[in-house]
Amino acid sequence: MTTFDNAGLVQRMQECFNTRQFDQAADLFTPDFRNHPLGATGFEAGKDAWHKVVAQYPTMRVVAEDILVDGDKVAIRSSVHGTGTPPGDSPPTLIEIFRIDHGRLAETWGITEGPRPR
């Protein structure tokens, strides 16, 4: 898979989140996808987390600000909107690194920085 395709894969995953088409994202992940922040394996754990966060923040969406690709790794810095950040404050920032395996998301690490949702 080319560098452009790896970045596009992560962008498609974000689009599935933003449009709440969670089931369509399943094919983007390997069967043994490892989500380090959740301490879980498999797409269903991440999908459950997506459902919980949008239940709490129905207008939440992520906006890619920077995408960096190095071989089979994609790092993405995204701003997180729709979480009740007070006016004048910058939205929280989500920084994730994904490992790609044969055109699918195989592993992720991530942190959130900035104001916490209210």
Protein backbone atom coordinates (compact mmCIF):
# COMPACT_ATOMS: atom_id res chain seq x y z
CA MET A 1 0.00 0.00 0.00
CA THR A 2 1.36 3.44 -0.84
CA THR A 3 1.91 6.29 1.59
CA PHE A 4 -1.11 8.10 0.12
CA ASP A 5 -3.29 5.05 0.64
CA ASN A 6 -2.18 4.67 4.27
CA ALA A 7 -3.16 8.27 5.04
CA GLY A 8 -6.43 7.76 3.16
CA LEU A 9 -7.21 4.67 5.22
CA VAL A 10 -7.00 6.66 8.46
CA GLN A 11 -9.09 9.46 6.94
CA ARG A 12 -11.77 6.91 5.93
CA MET A 13 -11.82 5.66 9.52
CA GLN A 14 -12.37 9.22 10.77
CA GLU A 15 -15.11 9.76 8.19
CA CYS A 16 -16.91 6.64 9.45
CA PHE A 17 -16.74 8.06 12.98
CA ASN A 18 -17.92 11.53 11.98
CA THR A 19 -20.84 10.18 9.94
CA ARG A 20 -21.68 7.55 12.59
CA GLN A 21 -21.33 4.76 10.02
CA PHE A 22 -19.52 2.60 12.53
CA ASP A 23 -20.32 -0.73 10.86
CA GLN A 24 -18.75 0.46 7.60
CA ALA A 25 -15.46 0.93 9.46
CA ALA A 26 -15.19 -2.77 10.35
CA ASP A 27 -13.51 -3.66 7.04
CA LEU A 28 -10.80 -1.04 7.70
CA PHE A 29 -9.43 -3.03 10.67
CA THR A 30 -7.57 -6.34 10.90
CA PRO A 31 -9.42 -9.08 12.83
CA ASP A 32 -6.80 -8.87 15.60
CA PHE A 33 -6.65 -5.04 15.69
CA ARG A 34 -4.88 -3.95 18.90
CA ASN A 35 -6.16 -0.79 20.58
CA HIS A 36 -3.51 0.11 23.16
CA PRO A 37 -5.41 3.03 24.79
CA LEU A 38 -8.40 0.74 25.45
CA GLY A 39 -6.26 -2.28 26.27
CA ALA A 40 -8.42 -4.27 23.88
CA THR A 41 -8.17 -6.41 20.77
CA GLY A 42 -10.63 -6.41 17.87
CA PHE A 43 -12.78 -3.79 16.19
CA GLU A 44 -15.84 -4.33 18.42
CA ALA A 45 -14.15 -2.83 21.50
CA GLY A 46 -13.38 0.36 19.60
CA LYS A 47 -16.85 0.43 18.09
CA ASP A 48 -18.36 0.15 21.57
CA ALA A 49 -16.16 3.05 22.73
CA TRP A 50 -17.34 5.13 19.73
CA HIS A 51 -20.98 4.45 20.66
CA LYS A 52 -20.37 5.50 24.27
CA VAL A 53 -18.58 8.74 23.41
CA VAL A 54 -21.19 9.87 20.87
CA ALA A 55 -23.97 9.01 23.32
CA GLN A 56 -22.33 11.50 25.68
CA TYR A 57 -21.37 14.02 22.95
CA PRO A 58 -23.83 13.61 20.05
CA THR A 59 -22.26 16.40 17.97
CA MET A 60 -18.66 15.25 18.48
CA ARG A 61 -16.49 15.08 15.38
CA VAL A 62 -12.78 14.90 14.67
CA VAL A 63 -10.98 17.09 12.16
CA ALA A 64 -7.58 16.00 10.85
CA GLU A 65 -5.05 18.80 11.20
CA ASP A 66 -1.83 16.92 10.34
CA ILE A 67 -1.16 13.48 8.90
CA LEU A 68 2.36 12.07 8.79
CA VAL A 69 3.22 8.76 7.16
CA ASP A 70 6.37 6.71 7.66
CA GLY A 71 6.18 3.30 6.02
CA ASP A 72 3.50 1.26 7.75
CA LYS A 73 2.83 3.94 10.42
CA VAL A 74 0.42 6.88 10.19
CA ALA A 75 0.44 9.64 12.82
CA ILE A 76 -2.54 11.97 12.87
CA ARG A 77 -3.20 15.09 14.94
CA SER A 78 -6.90 15.92 15.05
CA SER A 79 -8.94 18.59 16.76
CA VAL A 80 -12.00 17.31 18.59
CA HIS A 81 -15.16 19.42 18.22
CA GLY A 82 -18.59 19.13 19.77
CA THR A 83 -17.54 18.20 23.31
CA GLY A 84 -18.62 21.34 25.14
CA THR A 85 -15.29 23.17 25.06
CA PRO A 86 -15.94 26.67 26.46
CA PRO A 87 -15.95 29.53 23.94
CA GLY A 88 -12.48 30.96 23.49
CA ASP A 89 -10.73 27.71 24.45
CA SER A 90 -9.06 25.60 21.80
CA PRO A 91 -10.75 22.24 21.24
CA PRO A 92 -9.02 19.15 22.62
CA THR A 93 -6.35 17.58 20.43
CA LEU A 94 -6.26 13.86 19.68
CA ILE A 95 -2.91 12.41 18.64
CA GLU A 96 -2.96 8.86 17.29
CA ILE A 97 -0.45 6.55 15.66
CA PHE A 98 -1.72 3.66 13.57
CA ARG A 99 0.19 0.68 12.25
CA ILE A 100 -1.06 -0.56 8.89
CA ASP A 101 -0.89 -4.21 7.85
CA HIS A 102 -1.85 -5.24 4.31
CA GLY A 103 -4.05 -2.17 3.81
CA ARG A 104 -5.89 -2.41 7.13
CA LEU A 105 -5.52 -0.78 10.54
CA ALA A 106 -3.68 -3.26 12.75
CA GLU A 107 -2.69 -1.33 15.86
CA THR A 108 -3.17 2.09 17.46
CA TRP A 109 -1.76 4.24 20.24
CA GLY A 110 -3.22 7.60 21.22
CA ILE A 111 -3.48 10.47 23.67
CA THR A 112 -5.77 13.46 24.09
CA GLU A 113 -4.47 16.81 25.24
CA GLY A 114 -6.02 20.17 25.97
CA PRO A 115 -9.26 21.05 27.71
CA ARG A 116 -11.28 18.07 28.82
CA PRO A 117 -14.87 17.72 27.65
CA ARG A 118 -17.48 19.15 30.00
